[in-house]
């Protein structure tokens, strides 16, 4: 696995997992919404893809250490 891919995963997956938990479980719980397995199953791949895109964009556009 390349160093660039490791960096993207290191940045993106925690962000995606955090957003998944926050927006799939925590916010609906406090808004008294129903949390279903179907909603969870749909949200998980979208947030993982979003996390990878976030990691890629941060790796691409943030200033690099020299």
N, C-alpha and C. Protein backbone atom coordinates (compact mmCIF):
# COMPACT_ATOMS: atom_id res chain seq x y z
N UNK A 1 0.85 -1.17 0.00
CA UNK A 1 0.00 0.00 0.00
C UNK A 1 0.89 1.23 0.00
N UNK A 2 0.57 2.16 -0.88
CA UNK A 2 1.41 3.35 -1.00
C UNK A 2 1.22 4.28 0.21
N UNK A 3 2.22 5.11 0.41
CA UNK A 3 2.19 6.06 1.52
C UNK A 3 1.05 7.06 1.35
N UNK A 4 0.77 7.46 0.10
CA UNK A 4 -0.31 8.42 -0.17
C UNK A 4 -1.67 7.82 0.20
N UNK A 5 -1.89 6.55 -0.16
CA UNK A 5 -3.15 5.89 0.16
C UNK A 5 -3.30 5.73 1.68
N UNK A 6 -2.21 5.42 2.36
CA UNK A 6 -2.26 5.31 3.83
C UNK A 6 -2.65 6.64 4.45
N UNK A 7 -2.11 7.73 3.92
CA UNK A 7 -2.44 9.06 4.44
C UNK A 7 -3.91 9.40 4.20
N UNK A 8 -4.42 9.06 3.02
CA UNK A 8 -5.83 9.31 2.71
C UNK A 8 -6.72 8.52 3.66
N UNK A 9 -6.40 7.26 3.89
CA UNK A 9 -7.19 6.43 4.81
C UNK A 9 -7.08 6.94 6.25
N UNK A 10 -5.90 7.38 6.63
CA UNK A 10 -5.67 7.88 8.00
C UNK A 10 -6.50 9.14 8.28
N UNK A 11 -6.68 9.97 7.28
CA UNK A 11 -7.47 11.19 7.43
C UNK A 11 -8.96 10.92 7.22
N UNK A 12 -9.29 10.19 6.17
CA UNK A 12 -10.67 10.07 5.73
C UNK A 12 -11.54 9.11 6.52
N UNK A 13 -11.02 7.94 6.88
CA UNK A 13 -11.87 6.96 7.55
C UNK A 13 -12.35 7.42 8.93
N UNK A 14 -11.49 8.00 9.77
CA UNK A 14 -12.03 8.50 11.05
C UNK A 14 -13.10 9.57 10.85
N UNK A 15 -12.93 10.43 9.86
CA UNK A 15 -13.93 11.46 9.58
C UNK A 15 -15.24 10.80 9.14
N UNK A 16 -15.16 9.84 8.23
CA UNK A 16 -16.35 9.17 7.75
C UNK A 16 -17.07 8.38 8.83
N UNK A 17 -16.31 7.69 9.67
CA UNK A 17 -16.91 6.93 10.77
C UNK A 17 -17.56 7.87 11.78
N UNK A 18 -16.88 8.97 12.09
CA UNK A 18 -17.45 9.95 13.02
C UNK A 18 -18.74 10.55 12.51
N UNK A 19 -18.77 10.91 11.24
CA UNK A 19 -19.98 11.48 10.66
C UNK A 19 -21.10 10.43 10.60
N UNK A 20 -20.74 9.20 10.29
CA UNK A 20 -21.72 8.12 10.25
C UNK A 20 -22.38 7.95 11.62
N UNK A 21 -21.59 7.87 12.67
CA UNK A 21 -22.13 7.69 14.02
C UNK A 21 -22.97 8.90 14.43
N UNK A 22 -22.43 10.09 14.19
CA UNK A 22 -23.12 11.30 14.60
C UNK A 22 -24.47 11.47 13.88
N UNK A 23 -24.47 11.30 12.58
CA UNK A 23 -25.67 11.59 11.80
C UNK A 23 -26.62 10.41 11.66
N UNK A 24 -26.15 9.20 11.95
CA UNK A 24 -27.02 8.03 11.84
C UNK A 24 -27.62 7.64 13.18
N UNK A 25 -26.89 7.87 14.27
CA UNK A 25 -27.35 7.42 15.57
C UNK A 25 -27.63 8.55 16.56
N UNK A 26 -26.69 9.47 16.71
CA UNK A 26 -26.79 10.47 17.79
C UNK A 26 -27.86 11.52 17.49
N UNK A 27 -27.79 12.20 16.34
CA UNK A 27 -28.80 13.22 16.02
C UNK A 27 -30.21 12.64 15.95
N UNK A 28 -30.42 11.50 15.26
CA UNK A 28 -31.78 10.94 15.25
C UNK A 28 -32.27 10.55 16.64
N UNK A 29 -31.39 10.08 17.50
CA UNK A 29 -31.79 9.72 18.86
C UNK A 29 -32.32 10.94 19.60
N UNK A 30 -31.62 12.05 19.51
CA UNK A 30 -32.05 13.26 20.23
C UNK A 30 -33.25 13.93 19.58
N UNK A 31 -33.51 13.63 18.30
CA UNK A 31 -34.70 14.17 17.63
C UNK A 31 -35.87 13.20 17.66
N UNK A 32 -35.75 12.14 18.45
CA UNK A 32 -36.79 11.11 18.58
C UNK A 32 -37.20 10.51 17.24
N UNK A 33 -36.22 10.31 16.35
CA UNK A 33 -36.48 9.66 15.07
C UNK A 33 -36.20 8.17 15.20
N UNK A 34 -36.83 7.39 14.34
CA UNK A 34 -36.62 5.95 14.35
C UNK A 34 -35.29 5.63 13.66
N UNK A 35 -34.48 4.82 14.33
CA UNK A 35 -33.21 4.38 13.76
C UNK A 35 -33.43 2.94 13.28
N UNK A 36 -33.37 2.74 11.96
CA UNK A 36 -33.64 1.42 11.41
C UNK A 36 -32.37 0.82 10.80
N UNK A 37 -32.39 -0.49 10.66
CA UNK A 37 -31.28 -1.18 10.03
C UNK A 37 -31.14 -0.76 8.57
N UNK A 38 -32.26 -0.50 7.91
CA UNK A 38 -32.24 -0.08 6.50
C UNK A 38 -31.53 1.27 6.36
N UNK A 39 -31.89 2.23 7.21
CA UNK A 39 -31.23 3.55 7.16
C UNK A 39 -29.74 3.42 7.45
N UNK A 40 -29.41 2.58 8.42
CA UNK A 40 -28.02 2.37 8.79
C UNK A 40 -27.25 1.74 7.63
N UNK A 41 -27.85 0.73 6.99
CA UNK A 41 -27.19 0.06 5.87
C UNK A 41 -27.00 0.95 4.67
N UNK A 42 -27.89 1.89 4.48
CA UNK A 42 -27.75 2.84 3.37
C UNK A 42 -26.71 3.90 3.70
N UNK A 43 -26.71 4.37 4.94
CA UNK A 43 -25.82 5.47 5.33
C UNK A 43 -24.35 5.05 5.39
N UNK A 44 -24.08 3.81 5.81
CA UNK A 44 -22.69 3.40 6.02
C UNK A 44 -21.83 3.52 4.77
N UNK A 45 -22.20 2.93 3.63
CA UNK A 45 -21.32 3.07 2.46
C UNK A 45 -21.18 4.51 1.97
N UNK A 46 -22.24 5.30 2.11
CA UNK A 46 -22.14 6.69 1.69
C UNK A 46 -21.15 7.47 2.55
N UNK A 47 -21.17 7.25 3.87
CA UNK A 47 -20.25 7.97 4.74
C UNK A 47 -18.83 7.48 4.59
N UNK A 48 -18.63 6.20 4.28
CA UNK A 48 -17.27 5.71 4.04
C UNK A 48 -16.72 6.30 2.75
N UNK A 49 -17.55 6.37 1.71
CA UNK A 49 -17.13 7.01 0.47
C UNK A 49 -16.86 8.50 0.70
N UNK A 50 -17.74 9.14 1.46
CA UNK A 50 -17.53 10.55 1.79
C UNK A 50 -16.24 10.76 2.57
N UNK A 51 -15.93 9.85 3.48
CA UNK A 51 -14.68 9.94 4.24
C UNK A 51 -13.47 9.80 3.34
N UNK A 52 -13.52 8.87 2.38
CA UNK A 52 -12.40 8.71 1.45
C UNK A 52 -12.24 9.93 0.57
N UNK A 53 -13.34 10.51 0.13
CA UNK A 53 -13.26 11.75 -0.67
C UNK A 53 -12.73 12.91 0.16
N UNK A 54 -13.14 12.97 1.42
CA UNK A 54 -12.63 14.00 2.32
C UNK A 54 -11.13 13.82 2.53
N UNK A 55 -10.70 12.57 2.78
CA UNK A 55 -9.28 12.30 2.96
C UNK A 55 -8.46 12.64 1.73
N UNK A 56 -9.01 12.32 0.55
CA UNK A 56 -8.32 12.66 -0.70
C UNK A 56 -8.20 14.17 -0.86
N UNK A 57 -9.28 14.88 -0.59
CA UNK A 57 -9.24 16.34 -0.77
C UNK A 57 -8.29 16.99 0.23
N UNK A 58 -8.24 16.49 1.46
CA UNK A 58 -7.32 17.05 2.44
C UNK A 58 -5.88 16.74 2.06
N UNK A 59 -5.64 15.53 1.55
CA UNK A 59 -4.28 15.17 1.13
C UNK A 59 -3.85 15.99 -0.08
N UNK A 60 -4.78 16.30 -0.95
CA UNK A 60 -4.45 17.01 -2.19
C UNK A 60 -4.25 18.50 -1.98
N UNK A 61 -5.11 19.13 -1.15
CA UNK A 61 -5.10 20.59 -1.09
C UNK A 61 -4.51 21.19 0.18
N UNK A 62 -4.26 20.40 1.19
CA UNK A 62 -3.64 20.97 2.39
C UNK A 62 -2.15 21.11 2.17
N UNK A 63 -1.53 22.13 2.77
CA UNK A 63 -0.08 22.30 2.60
C UNK A 63 0.69 21.10 3.16
N UNK A 64 1.72 20.71 2.47
CA UNK A 64 2.54 19.59 2.89
C UNK A 64 3.69 20.07 3.77
N UNK A 65 4.12 19.21 4.70
CA UNK A 65 5.32 19.52 5.50
C UNK A 65 6.55 19.31 4.63
N UNK A 66 7.52 20.17 4.77
CA UNK A 66 8.74 20.03 3.97
C UNK A 66 9.87 19.54 4.80
